[in-house]
PDB file of N, CA and C in Angstrom:
ATOM      1  N   MET A   1      17.472 -42.842 -16.643  1.00  0.00           N
ATOM      2  CA  MET A   1      16.393 -42.237 -15.758  1.00  0.00           C
ATOM      3  C   MET A   1      16.623 -42.227 -14.387  1.00  0.00           C
ATOM      4  N   SER A   2      16.654 -41.021 -14.010  1.00  0.00           N
ATOM      5  CA  SER A   2      16.885 -40.793 -12.512  1.00  0.00           C
ATOM      6  C   SER A   2      15.357 -40.242 -11.835  1.00  0.00           C
ATOM      7  N   VAL A   3      15.124 -41.064 -11.016  1.00  0.00           N
ATOM      8  CA  VAL A   3      13.814 -40.772 -10.315  1.00  0.00           C
ATOM      9  C   VAL A   3      14.113 -40.632  -8.817  1.00  0.00           C
ATOM     10  N   GLU A   4      13.692 -39.569  -8.234  1.00  0.00           N
ATOM     11  CA  GLU A   4      13.833 -39.489  -6.729  1.00  0.00           C
ATOM     12  C   GLU A   4      12.700 -39.962  -6.099  1.00  0.00           C
ATOM     13  N   ILE A   5      13.184 -40.938  -5.216  1.00  0.00           N
ATOM     14  CA  ILE A   5      12.240 -41.669  -4.345  1.00  0.00           C
ATOM     15  C   ILE A   5      11.935 -41.025  -3.010  1.00  0.00           C
ATOM     16  N   PRO A   6      10.801 -40.572  -2.738  1.00  0.00           N
ATOM     17  CA  PRO A   6      10.519 -39.807  -1.583  1.00  0.00           C
ATOM     18  C   PRO A   6      11.080 -40.683  -0.239  1.00  0.00           C
ATOM     19  N   ASP A   7      11.240 -39.925   0.737  1.00  0.00           N
ATOM     20  CA  ASP A   7      11.735 -40.608   2.032  1.00  0.00           C
ATOM     21  C   ASP A   7      10.673 -41.000   2.798  1.00  0.00           C
ATOM     22  N   LYS A   8      10.097 -42.257   2.475  1.00  0.00           N
ATOM     23  CA  LYS A   8       8.960 -42.736   3.145  1.00  0.00           C
ATOM     24  C   LYS A   8       9.355 -44.286   3.270  1.00  0.00           C
ATOM     25  N   LEU A   9       8.552 -44.875   4.449  1.00  0.00           N
ATOM     26  CA  LEU A   9       8.879 -46.399   4.532  1.00  0.00           C
ATOM     27  C   LEU A   9       8.184 -47.186   3.738  1.00  0.00           C
ATOM     28  N   TYR A  10       6.877 -46.781   3.361  1.00  0.00           N
ATOM     29  CA  TYR A  10       5.984 -47.582   2.466  1.00  0.00           C
ATOM     30  C   TYR A  10       5.186 -46.797   1.399  1.00  0.00           C
ATOM     31  N   PHE A  11       5.019 -47.451   0.328  1.00  0.00           N
ATOM     32  CA  PHE A  11       4.359 -46.651  -0.760  1.00  0.00           C
ATOM     33  C   PHE A  11       3.203 -47.584  -1.129  1.00  0.00           C
ATOM     34  N   LYS A  12       2.104 -46.826  -1.537  1.00  0.00           N
ATOM     35  CA  LYS A  12       0.862 -47.548  -2.111  1.00  0.00           C
ATOM     36  C   LYS A  12       1.160 -47.510  -3.686  1.00  0.00           C
ATOM     37  N   ILE A  13       0.295 -48.651  -4.262  1.00  0.00           N
ATOM     38  CA  ILE A  13       0.516 -49.053  -5.531  1.00  0.00           C
ATOM     39  C   ILE A  13       0.361 -47.829  -6.527  1.00  0.00           C
ATOM     40  N   GLY A  14      -0.549 -46.897  -6.072  1.00  0.00           N
ATOM     41  CA  GLY A  14      -0.525 -45.750  -7.079  1.00  0.00           C
ATOM     42  C   GLY A  14       0.530 -44.853  -7.034  1.00  0.00           C
ATOM     43  N   GLU A  15       1.259 -44.621  -5.866  1.00  0.00           N
ATOM     44  CA  GLU A  15       2.530 -43.885  -5.676  1.00  0.00           C
ATOM     45  C   GLU A  15       3.678 -44.546  -6.485  1.00  0.00           C
ATOM     46  N   VAL A  16       3.721 -45.724  -6.421  1.00  0.00           N
ATOM     47  CA  VAL A  16       4.788 -46.505  -7.267  1.00  0.00           C
ATOM     48  C   VAL A  16       4.318 -46.412  -8.772  1.00  0.00           C
ATOM     49  N   SER A  17       3.110 -46.603  -9.108  1.00  0.00           N
ATOM     50  CA  SER A  17       2.788 -46.415 -10.298  1.00  0.00           C
ATOM     51  C   SER A  17       3.198 -45.043 -10.898  1.00  0.00           C
ATOM     52  N   LYS A  18       2.980 -43.897 -10.145  1.00  0.00           N
ATOM     53  CA  LYS A  18       3.387 -42.623 -10.758  1.00  0.00           C
ATOM     54  C   LYS A  18       5.145 -42.546 -10.848  1.00  0.00           C
ATOM     55  N   LEU A  19       5.569 -42.994  -9.731  1.00  0.00           N
ATOM     56  CA  LEU A  19       7.175 -42.755  -9.690  1.00  0.00           C
ATOM     57  C   LEU A  19       7.670 -43.576 -10.897  1.00  0.00           C
ATOM     58  N   ALA A  20       7.173 -44.787 -11.062  1.00  0.00           N
ATOM     59  CA  ALA A  20       7.793 -45.510 -12.427  1.00  0.00           C
ATOM     60  C   ALA A  20       7.114 -45.319 -13.661  1.00  0.00           C
ATOM     61  N   SER A  21       6.097 -44.554 -13.594  1.00  0.00           N
ATOM     62  CA  SER A  21       5.317 -44.168 -15.026  1.00  0.00           C
ATOM     63  C   SER A  21       4.797 -45.350 -15.738  1.00  0.00           C
ATOM     64  N   VAL A  22       4.252 -46.260 -14.877  1.00  0.00           N
ATOM     65  CA  VAL A  22       3.568 -47.286 -15.385  1.00  0.00           C
ATOM     66  C   VAL A  22       2.206 -47.734 -14.894  1.00  0.00           C
ATOM     67  N   ALA A  23       1.349 -48.318 -15.406  1.00  0.00           N
ATOM     68  CA  ALA A  23       0.161 -48.626 -14.890  1.00  0.00           C
ATOM     69  C   ALA A  23       0.031 -49.442 -13.687  1.00  0.00           C
ATOM     70  N   PRO A  24      -0.833 -49.293 -12.773  1.00  0.00           N
ATOM     71  CA  PRO A  24      -0.864 -50.257 -11.619  1.00  0.00           C
ATOM     72  C   PRO A  24      -0.924 -51.712 -11.942  1.00  0.00           C
ATOM     73  N   HIS A  25      -1.593 -51.958 -13.038  1.00  0.00           N
ATOM     74  CA  HIS A  25      -2.012 -53.365 -13.558  1.00  0.00           C
ATOM     75  C   HIS A  25      -0.617 -54.067 -14.026  1.00  0.00           C
ATOM     76  N   VAL A  26       0.222 -53.239 -14.413  1.00  0.00           N
ATOM     77  CA  VAL A  26       1.620 -53.608 -14.830  1.00  0.00           C
ATOM     78  C   VAL A  26       2.457 -54.075 -13.607  1.00  0.00           C
ATOM     79  N   LEU A  27       2.288 -53.062 -12.522  1.00  0.00           N
ATOM     80  CA  LEU A  27       3.062 -53.386 -11.319  1.00  0.00           C
ATOM     81  C   LEU A  27       2.439 -54.952 -10.764  1.00  0.00           C
ATOM     82  N   ARG A  28       1.260 -55.076 -10.873  1.00  0.00           N
ATOM     83  CA  ARG A  28       0.704 -56.472 -10.415  1.00  0.00           C
ATOM     84  C   ARG A  28       1.185 -57.513 -11.162  1.00  0.00           C
ATOM     85  N   PHE A  29       1.168 -57.370 -12.423  1.00  0.00           N
ATOM     86  CA  PHE A  29       1.857 -58.430 -13.428  1.00  0.00           C
ATOM     87  C   PHE A  29       3.269 -58.752 -12.960  1.00  0.00           C
ATOM     88  N   TRP A  30       4.150 -57.587 -12.762  1.00  0.00           N
ATOM     89  CA  TRP A  30       5.439 -57.822 -12.513  1.00  0.00           C
ATOM     90  C   TRP A  30       5.792 -58.594 -10.991  1.00  0.00           C
ATOM     91  N   GLU A  31       4.620 -58.226 -10.156  1.00  0.00           N
ATOM     92  CA  GLU A  31       4.825 -58.966  -8.854  1.00  0.00           C
ATOM     93  C   GLU A  31       4.577 -60.545  -9.208  1.00  0.00           C
ATOM     94  N   GLY A  32       3.884 -60.783 -10.055  1.00  0.00           N
ATOM     95  CA  GLY A  32       3.911 -62.321 -10.337  1.00  0.00           C
ATOM     96  C   GLY A  32       5.064 -62.817 -11.065  1.00  0.00           C
ATOM     97  N   GLU A  33       5.596 -61.946 -11.791  1.00  0.00           N
ATOM     98  CA  GLU A  33       6.844 -62.443 -12.799  1.00  0.00           C
ATOM     99  C   GLU A  33       8.069 -62.417 -11.995  1.00  0.00           C
ATOM    100  N   PHE A  34       8.443 -61.413 -11.189  1.00  0.00           N
ATOM    101  CA  PHE A  34       9.708 -61.215 -10.437  1.00  0.00           C
ATOM    102  C   PHE A  34       9.621 -61.308  -9.027  1.00  0.00           C
ATOM    103  N   ASN A  35      10.256 -62.365  -8.481  1.00  0.00           N
ATOM    104  CA  ASN A  35      10.301 -62.695  -7.022  1.00  0.00           C
ATOM    105  C   ASN A  35      10.862 -61.580  -6.212  1.00  0.00           C
ATOM    106  N   GLU A  36      11.542 -60.514  -6.798  1.00  0.00           N
ATOM    107  CA  GLU A  36      12.207 -59.432  -6.078  1.00  0.00           C
ATOM    108  C   GLU A  36      11.242 -58.554  -5.574  1.00  0.00           C
ATOM    109  N   ILE A  37      10.118 -58.454  -6.215  1.00  0.00           N
ATOM    110  CA  ILE A  37       8.992 -57.561  -5.743  1.00  0.00           C
ATOM    111  C   ILE A  37       8.143 -58.144  -4.901  1.00  0.00           C
ATOM    112  N   GLN A  38       8.145 -57.930  -3.556  1.00  0.00           N
ATOM    113  CA  GLN A  38       7.305 -58.570  -2.483  1.00  0.00           C
ATOM    114  C   GLN A  38       6.725 -57.456  -1.601  1.00  0.00           C
ATOM    115  N   PRO A  39       5.669 -56.745  -2.277  1.00  0.00           N
ATOM    116  CA  PRO A  39       4.837 -55.796  -1.218  1.00  0.00           C
ATOM    117  C   PRO A  39       4.244 -56.556  -0.206  1.00  0.00           C
ATOM    118  N   ARG A  40       4.179 -55.874   0.911  1.00  0.00           N
ATOM    119  CA  ARG A  40       3.463 -56.282   2.085  1.00  0.00           C
ATOM    120  C   ARG A  40       1.922 -55.991   1.895  1.00  0.00           C
ATOM    121  N   ARG A  41       1.228 -56.495   2.654  1.00  0.00           N
ATOM    122  CA  ARG A  41      -0.340 -56.154   2.676  1.00  0.00           C
ATOM    123  C   ARG A  41      -0.795 -55.510   3.885  1.00  0.00           C
ATOM    124  N   ALA A  42      -1.410 -54.418   3.746  1.00  0.00           N
ATOM    125  CA  ALA A  42      -2.000 -53.704   4.924  1.00  0.00           C
ATOM    126  C   ALA A  42      -3.100 -54.485   5.554  1.00  0.00           C
ATOM    127  N   ASN A  43      -3.709 -54.292   6.722  1.00  0.00           N
ATOM    128  CA  ASN A  43      -4.980 -54.879   7.177  1.00  0.00           C
ATOM    129  C   ASN A  43      -6.032 -54.751   6.168  1.00  0.00           C
ATOM    130  N   SER A  44      -5.988 -53.564   5.322  1.00  0.00           N
ATOM    131  CA  SER A  44      -7.179 -53.366   4.357  1.00  0.00           C
ATOM    132  C   SER A  44      -6.733 -54.248   3.051  1.00  0.00           C
ATOM    133  N   ASN A  45      -5.900 -54.932   3.038  1.00  0.00           N
ATOM    134  CA  ASN A  45      -5.425 -55.821   1.883  1.00  0.00           C
ATOM    135  C   ASN A  45      -4.797 -55.091   0.779  1.00  0.00           C
ATOM    136  N   GLN A  46      -4.486 -53.730   1.134  1.00  0.00           N
ATOM    137  CA  GLN A  46      -3.903 -52.849   0.126  1.00  0.00           C
ATOM    138  C   GLN A  46      -2.334 -53.202  -0.029  1.00  0.00           C
ATOM    139  N   ARG A  47      -1.705 -53.255  -1.180  1.00  0.00           N
ATOM    140  CA  ARG A  47      -0.361 -53.418  -1.357  1.00  0.00           C
ATOM    141  C   ARG A  47       0.454 -52.161  -0.767  1.00  0.00           C
ATOM    142  N   LEU A  48       1.473 -52.455   0.007  1.00  0.00           N
ATOM    143  CA  LEU A  48       2.554 -51.468   0.507  1.00  0.00           C
ATOM    144  C   LEU A  48       3.826 -52.007   0.153  1.00  0.00           C
ATOM    145  N   TYR A  49       4.388 -51.033  -0.759  1.00  0.00           N
ATOM    146  CA  TYR A  49       5.698 -51.385  -1.410  1.00  0.00           C
ATOM    147  C   TYR A  49       6.729 -50.700  -0.310  1.00  0.00           C
ATOM    148  N   ARG A  50       7.881 -51.406  -0.125  1.00  0.00           N
ATOM    149  CA  ARG A  50       8.997 -50.911   0.578  1.00  0.00           C
ATOM    150  C   ARG A  50       9.901 -49.927  -0.380  1.00  0.00           C
ATOM    151  N   ARG A  51      10.856 -49.285   0.076  1.00  0.00           N
ATOM    152  CA  ARG A  51      11.700 -48.586  -0.606  1.00  0.00           C
ATOM    153  C   ARG A  51      12.575 -49.458  -1.666  1.00  0.00           C
ATOM    154  N   ASP A  52      12.904 -50.572  -1.093  1.00  0.00           N
ATOM    155  CA  ASP A  52      13.712 -51.525  -1.984  1.00  0.00           C
ATOM    156  C   ASP A  52      12.883 -52.194  -3.035  1.00  0.00           C
ATOM    157  N   ASP A  53      11.494 -52.472  -2.779  1.00  0.00           N
ATOM    158  CA  ASP A  53      10.660 -52.756  -3.799  1.00  0.00           C
ATOM    159  C   ASP A  53      10.493 -51.705  -4.929  1.00  0.00           C
ATOM    160  N   VAL A  54      10.635 -50.472  -4.473  1.00  0.00           N
ATOM    161  CA  VAL A  54      10.394 -49.375  -5.520  1.00  0.00           C
ATOM    162  C   VAL A  54      11.739 -49.307  -6.345  1.00  0.00           C
ATOM    163  N   LYS A  55      12.938 -49.548  -5.778  1.00  0.00           N
ATOM    164  CA  LYS A  55      13.971 -49.492  -6.500  1.00  0.00           C
ATOM    165  C   LYS A  55      14.194 -50.661  -7.583  1.00  0.00           C
ATOM    166  N   VAL A  56      13.457 -51.869  -7.117  1.00  0.00           N
ATOM    167  CA  VAL A  56      13.719 -52.936  -7.977  1.00  0.00           C
ATOM    168  C   VAL A  56      12.638 -52.621  -9.247  1.00  0.00           C
ATOM    169  N   VAL A  57      11.433 -52.148  -8.864  1.00  0.00           N
ATOM    170  CA  VAL A  57      10.355 -51.742  -9.957  1.00  0.00           C
ATOM    171  C   VAL A  57      11.185 -50.834 -10.966  1.00  0.00           C
ATOM    172  N   LEU A  58      11.775 -49.747 -10.496  1.00  0.00           N
ATOM    173  CA  LEU A  58      12.433 -48.837 -11.268  1.00  0.00           C
ATOM    174  C   LEU A  58      13.473 -49.549 -12.066  1.00  0.00           C
ATOM    175  N   GLN A  59      14.224 -50.367 -11.639  1.00  0.00           N
ATOM    176  CA  GLN A  59      15.210 -51.267 -12.433  1.00  0.00           C
ATOM    177  C   GLN A  59      14.666 -52.232 -13.605  1.00  0.00           C
ATOM    178  N   ILE A  60      13.568 -52.774 -13.107  1.00  0.00           N
ATOM    179  CA  ILE A  60      12.844 -53.580 -13.979  1.00  0.00           C
ATOM    180  C   ILE A  60      12.098 -52.740 -15.060  1.00  0.00           C
ATOM    181  N   LYS A  61      11.794 -51.595 -14.776  1.00  0.00           N
ATOM    182  CA  LYS A  61      11.282 -50.656 -16.006  1.00  0.00           C
ATOM    183  C   LYS A  61      12.430 -50.228 -16.812  1.00  0.00           C
ATOM    184  N   SER A  62      13.318 -50.010 -16.398  1.00  0.00           N
ATOM    185  CA  SER A  62      14.566 -49.679 -17.226  1.00  0.00           C
ATOM    186  C   SER A  62      15.019 -50.838 -17.942  1.00  0.00           C
ATOM    187  N   LEU A  63      15.204 -52.035 -17.371  1.00  0.00           N
ATOM    188  CA  LEU A  63      15.605 -53.004 -18.113  1.00  0.00           C
ATOM    189  C   LEU A  63      14.498 -53.464 -19.333  1.00  0.00           C
ATOM    190  N   LEU A  64      13.279 -53.354 -19.071  1.00  0.00           N
ATOM    191  CA  LEU A  64      12.298 -53.853 -20.060  1.00  0.00           C
ATOM    192  C   LEU A  64      11.968 -52.602 -21.086  1.00  0.00           C
ATOM    193  N   HIS A  65      11.978 -51.487 -20.642  1.00  0.00           N
ATOM    194  CA  HIS A  65      11.444 -50.403 -21.402  1.00  0.00           C
ATOM    195  C   HIS A  65      12.649 -49.587 -22.015  1.00  0.00           C
ATOM    196  N   GLU A  66      13.660 -49.467 -21.503  1.00  0.00           N
ATOM    197  CA  GLU A  66      14.816 -48.624 -22.043  1.00  0.00           C
ATOM    198  C   GLU A  66      15.905 -49.403 -22.763  1.00  0.00           C
ATOM    199  N   GLN A  67      16.177 -50.575 -21.944  1.00  0.00           N
ATOM    200  CA  GLN A  67      17.350 -51.354 -22.422  1.00  0.00           C
ATOM    201  C   GLN A  67      16.734 -52.464 -23.450  1.00  0.00           C
ATOM    202  N   GLY A  68      15.467 -52.756 -23.481  1.00  0.00           N
ATOM    203  CA  GLY A  68      15.114 -53.635 -24.309  1.00  0.00           C
ATOM    204  C   GLY A  68      15.008 -55.037 -24.133  1.00  0.00           C
ATOM    205  N   TYR A  69      15.255 -55.384 -22.789  1.00  0.00           N
ATOM    206  CA  TYR A  69      15.199 -56.726 -22.347  1.00  0.00           C
ATOM    207  C   TYR A  69      13.953 -57.284 -22.486  1.00  0.00           C
ATOM    208  N   THR A  70      13.972 -58.645 -22.421  1.00  0.00           N
ATOM    209  CA  THR A  70      12.636 -59.328 -22.602  1.00  0.00           C
ATOM    210  C   THR A  70      12.326 -59.638 -21.071  1.00  0.00           C
ATOM    211  N   ILE A  71      11.150 -60.145 -20.644  1.00  0.00           N
ATOM    212  CA  ILE A  71      10.872 -60.551 -19.196  1.00  0.00           C
ATOM    213  C   ILE A  71      11.785 -61.680 -18.759  1.00  0.00           C
ATOM    214  N   SER A  72      11.870 -62.571 -19.541  1.00  0.00           N
ATOM    215  CA  SER A  72      12.917 -63.764 -19.253  1.00  0.00           C
ATOM    216  C   SER A  72      14.312 -63.367 -19.027  1.00  0.00           C
ATOM    217  N   GLY A  73      14.747 -62.288 -19.968  1.00  0.00           N
ATOM    218  CA  GLY A  73      16.163 -61.664 -19.959  1.00  0.00           C
ATOM    219  C   GLY A  73      16.177 -60.867 -18.556  1.00  0.00           C
ATOM    220  N   ALA A  74      15.297 -60.138 -18.234  1.00  0.00           N
ATOM    221  CA  ALA A  74      15.314 -59.323 -17.061  1.00  0.00           C
ATOM    222  C   ALA A  74      15.305 -59.996 -15.827  1.00  0.00           C
ATOM    223  N   LYS A  75      14.565 -61.350 -15.834  1.00  0.00           N
ATOM    224  CA  LYS A  75      14.595 -62.170 -14.714  1.00  0.00           C
ATOM    225  C   LYS A  75      16.063 -62.734 -14.603  1.00  0.00           C
ATOM    226  N   LYS A  76      16.606 -63.180 -15.539  1.00  0.00           N
ATOM    227  CA  LYS A  76      18.012 -63.788 -15.644  1.00  0.00           C
ATOM    228  C   LYS A  76      18.947 -62.590 -14.946  1.00  0.00           C
ATOM    229  N   TYR A  77      18.841 -61.505 -15.600  1.00  0.00           N
ATOM    230  CA  TYR A  77      19.608 -60.385 -15.271  1.00  0.00           C
ATOM    231  C   TYR A  77      19.644 -60.218 -13.822  1.00  0.00           C
ATOM    232  N   LEU A  78      18.335 -60.030 -13.137  1.00  0.00           N
ATOM    233  CA  LEU A  78      18.228 -59.789 -11.611  1.00  0.00           C
ATOM    234  C   LEU A  78      18.498 -60.878 -10.862  1.00  0.00           C
ATOM    235  N   SER A  79      18.331 -62.171 -11.398  1.00  0.00           N
ATOM    236  CA  SER A  79      18.989 -63.433 -10.450  1.00  0.00           C
ATOM    237  C   SER A  79      20.408 -63.446 -10.371  1.00  0.00           C
ATOM    238  N   GLU A  80      21.009 -62.872 -11.586  1.00  0.00           N
ATOM    239  CA  GLU A  80      22.435 -63.020 -11.470  1.00  0.00           C
ATOM    240  C   GLU A  80      23.054 -61.829 -10.828  1.00  0.00           C
ATOM    241  N   GLN A  81      22.228 -60.836 -10.622  1.00  0.00           N
ATOM    242  CA  GLN A  81      22.764 -59.640  -9.811  1.00  0.00           C
ATOM    243  C   GLN A  81      22.742 -59.884  -8.303  1.00  0.00           C
ATOM    244  N   LYS A  82      23.779 -59.572  -7.661  1.00  0.00           N
ATOM    245  CA  LYS A  82      23.815 -59.908  -6.198  1.00  0.00           C
ATOM    246  C   LYS A  82      22.922 -58.959  -5.525  1.00  0.00           C
ATOM    247  N   GLU A  83      23.050 -57.747  -5.807  1.00  0.00           N
ATOM    248  CA  GLU A  83      22.012 -56.675  -5.103  1.00  0.00           C
ATOM    249  C   GLU A  83      21.829 -55.504  -5.996  1.00  0.00           C
ATOM    250  N   VAL A  84      20.626 -54.987  -5.879  1.00  0.00           N
ATOM    251  CA  VAL A  84      20.015 -53.750  -6.872  1.00  0.00           C
ATOM    252  C   VAL A  84      20.814 -52.648  -6.204  1.00  0.00           C
ATOM    253  N   ARG A  85      21.595 -52.019  -7.047  1.00  0.00           N
ATOM    254  CA  ARG A  85      22.471 -50.690  -6.698  1.00  0.00           C
ATOM    255  C   ARG A  85      21.696 -49.700  -6.939  1.00  0.00           C
ATOM    256  N   ASP A  86      21.492 -48.676  -5.962  1.00  0.00           N
ATOM    257  CA  ASP A  86      20.798 -47.498  -6.043  1.00  0.00           C
ATOM    258  C   ASP A  86      21.769 -46.527  -6.898  1.00  0.00           C
ATOM    259  N   PRO A  87      21.119 -46.030  -8.012  1.00  0.00           N
ATOM    260  CA  PRO A  87      21.776 -45.255  -8.812  1.00  0.00           C
ATOM    261  C   PRO A  87      22.307 -43.894  -8.109  1.00  0.00           C
ATOM    262  N   LEU A  88      21.556 -43.607  -7.201  1.00  0.00           N
ATOM    263  CA  LEU A  88      21.910 -42.362  -6.448  1.00  0.00           C
ATOM    264  C   LEU A  88      22.971 -42.377  -5.298  1.00  0.00           C
ATOM    265  N   GLN A  89      23.467 -43.758  -5.057  1.00  0.00           N
ATOM    266  CA  GLN A  89      24.419 -43.996  -4.115  1.00  0.00           C
ATOM    267  C   GLN A  89      25.653 -43.896  -4.488  1.00  0.00           C
ATOM    268  N   PRO A  90      26.747 -43.384  -3.820  1.00  0.00           N
ATOM    269  CA  PRO A  90      27.946 -43.428  -4.450  1.00  0.00           C
ATOM    270  C   PRO A  90      28.671 -44.902  -4.579  1.00  0.00           C
ATOM    271  N   VAL A  91      29.155 -45.074  -5.492  1.00  0.00           N
ATOM    272  CA  VAL A  91      29.987 -46.516  -5.835  1.00  0.00           C
ATOM    273  C   VAL A  91      31.176 -46.520  -5.015  1.00  0.00           C
ATOM    274  N   THR A  92      31.248 -47.777  -4.233  1.00  0.00           N
ATOM    275  CA  THR A  92      32.524 -47.964  -3.465  1.00  0.00           C
ATOM    276  C   THR A  92      33.285 -49.160  -3.902  1.00  0.00           C
ATOM    277  N   ASP A  93      32.904 -49.845  -4.750  1.00  0.00           N
ATOM    278  CA  ASP A  93      33.674 -50.860  -5.378  1.00  0.00           C
ATOM    279  C   ASP A  93      34.950 -50.502  -6.069  1.00  0.00           C
ATOM    280  N   THR A  94      36.025 -50.732  -5.560  1.00  0.00           N
ATOM    281  CA  THR A  94      37.326 -50.207  -6.261  1.00  0.00           C
ATOM    282  C   THR A  94      37.600 -50.731  -7.518  1.00  0.00           C
ATOM    283  N   THR A  95      37.215 -52.074  -7.803  1.00  0.00           N
ATOM    284  CA  THR A  95      37.235 -52.581  -8.958  1.00  0.00           C
ATOM    285  C   THR A  95      36.571 -52.053 -10.102  1.00  0.00           C
ATOM    286  N   TYR A  96      35.448 -51.683  -9.624  1.00  0.00           N
ATOM    287  CA  TYR A  96      34.439 -50.931 -10.696  1.00  0.00           C
ATOM    288  C   TYR A  96      34.955 -49.794 -10.915  1.00  0.00           C
ATOM    289  N   LEU A  97      35.258 -49.022 -10.096  1.00  0.00           N
ATOM    290  CA  LEU A  97      35.978 -47.568 -10.301  1.00  0.00           C
ATOM    291  C   LEU A  97      37.183 -47.613 -11.125  1.00  0.00           C
ATOM    292  N   GLU A  98      38.136 -48.659 -10.820  1.00  0.00           N
ATOM    293  CA  GLU A  98      39.284 -48.745 -11.692  1.00  0.00           C
ATOM    294  C   GLU A  98      39.003 -49.172 -13.117  1.00  0.00           C
ATOM    295  N   THR A  99      37.991 -49.874 -13.465  1.00  0.00           N
ATOM    296  CA  THR A  99      37.548 -50.088 -14.699  1.00  0.00           C
ATOM    297  C   THR A  99      37.011 -48.837 -15.459  1.00  0.00           C
ATOM    298  N   ILE A 100      36.350 -48.299 -14.748  1.00  0.00           N
ATOM    299  CA  ILE A 100      35.765 -46.944 -15.400  1.00  0.00           C
ATOM    300  C   ILE A 100      37.050 -45.840 -15.538  1.00  0.00           C
ATOM    301  N   LYS A 101      37.789 -45.940 -14.769  1.00  0.00           N
ATOM    302  CA  LYS A 101      39.116 -45.130 -15.007  1.00  0.00           C
ATOM    303  C   LYS A 101      39.811 -45.385 -16.148  1.00  0.00           C
ATOM    304  N   ARG A 102      40.103 -46.760 -16.344  1.00  0.00           N
ATOM    305  CA  ARG A 102      40.723 -47.185 -17.429  1.00  0.00           C
ATOM    306  C   ARG A 102      40.234 -46.939 -18.731  1.00  0.00           C
ATOM    307  N   GLU A 103      38.785 -47.042 -18.780  1.00  0.00           N
ATOM    308  CA  GLU A 103      38.177 -46.760 -19.958  1.00  0.00           C
ATOM    309  C   GLU A 103      37.846 -45.396 -20.380  1.00  0.00           C
ATOM    310  N   LEU A 104      37.844 -44.592 -19.445  1.00  0.00           N
ATOM    311  CA  LEU A 104      37.953 -43.185 -19.576  1.00  0.00           C
ATOM    312  C   LEU A 104      39.309 -42.767 -20.147  1.00  0.00           C
ATOM    313  N   LEU A 105      40.462 -43.104 -19.490  1.00  0.00           N
ATOM    314  CA  LEU A 105      41.689 -42.954 -20.026  1.00  0.00           C
ATOM    315  C   LEU A 105      41.916 -43.331 -21.588  1.00  0.00           C
ATOM    316  N   ALA A 106      41.304 -44.471 -21.784  1.00  0.00           N
ATOM    317  CA  ALA A 106      41.407 -44.858 -23.310  1.00  0.00           C
ATOM    318  C   ALA A 106      40.655 -44.083 -24.212  1.00  0.00           C
ATOM    319  N   VAL A 107      39.400 -43.655 -23.780  1.00  0.00           N
ATOM    320  CA  VAL A 107      38.622 -42.688 -24.619  1.00  0.00           C
ATOM    321  C   VAL A 107      39.362 -41.230 -24.786  1.00  0.00           C
ATOM    322  N   LYS A 108      40.190 -40.967 -23.490  1.00  0.00           N
ATOM    323  CA  LYS A 108      40.897 -39.598 -23.798  1.00  0.00           C
ATOM    324  C   LYS A 108      42.008 -39.831 -24.746  1.00  0.00           C
ATOM    325  N   ASP A 109      42.676 -40.985 -24.687  1.00  0.00           N
ATOM    326  CA  ASP A 109      43.709 -41.308 -25.729  1.00  0.00           C
ATOM    327  C   ASP A 109      43.287 -41.152 -27.092  1.00  0.00           C
ATOM    328  N   ILE A 110      42.140 -41.810 -27.346  1.00  0.00           N
ATOM    329  CA  ILE A 110      41.607 -41.799 -28.640  1.00  0.00           C
ATOM    330  C   ILE A 110      41.206 -40.409 -29.226  1.00  0.00           C
ATOM    331  N   LEU A 111      40.699 -39.636 -28.303  1.00  0.00           N
ATOM    332  CA  LEU A 111      40.392 -38.268 -28.572  1.00  0.00           C
ATOM    333  C   LEU A 111      41.528 -37.456 -28.787  1.00  0.00           C
ATOM    334  N   GLN A 112      42.635 -37.568 -28.085  1.00  0.00           N
ATOM    335  CA  GLN A 112      43.800 -36.914 -28.287  1.00  0.00           C
ATOM    336  C   GLN A 112      44.581 -37.258 -29.619  1.00  0.00           C
ATOM    337  N   LYS A 113      44.307 -38.427 -30.052  1.00  0.00           N
ATOM    338  CA  LYS A 113      45.054 -39.027 -31.281  1.00  0.00           C
ATOM    339  C   LYS A 113      44.193 -38.208 -32.450  1.00  0.00           C
ATOM    340  N   LYS A 114      42.958 -38.048 -32.485  1.00  0.00           N
ATOM    341  CA  LYS A 114      42.190 -37.494 -33.482  1.00  0.00           C
ATOM    342  C   LYS A 114      42.587 -35.889 -33.702  1.00  0.00           C
ATOM    343  N   LYS A 115      43.324 -35.313 -32.755  1.00  0.00           N
ATOM    344  CA  LYS A 115      43.421 -33.835 -32.934  1.00  0.00           C
ATOM    345  C   LYS A 115      44.883 -33.724 -33.900  1.00  0.00           C
TER     346      LYS A 115
END
């Protein structure tokens, strides 16, 4: 799932709800379950999510709704992960890229053998 996050500093709960395609009460529940989501409060006591919070929300939604993680499994996954990687940002980790290259070459070899 690729969602383009608008170029803004803060997002209201309704905006995040629409971006993630989940109800606002789900976001409030996730705030209590996941320490990684820490929206600030405006003077009007309204939640203001930062861009990083929105990225975490999208990742949590992917883990729970698309990849089939439980809440405890998603918590464990996020706690083990050093940083939330933006899927739109280029990957710079050379070890990661080398692994992908090896796997793609292995798939290429398998496909060539089938011919």
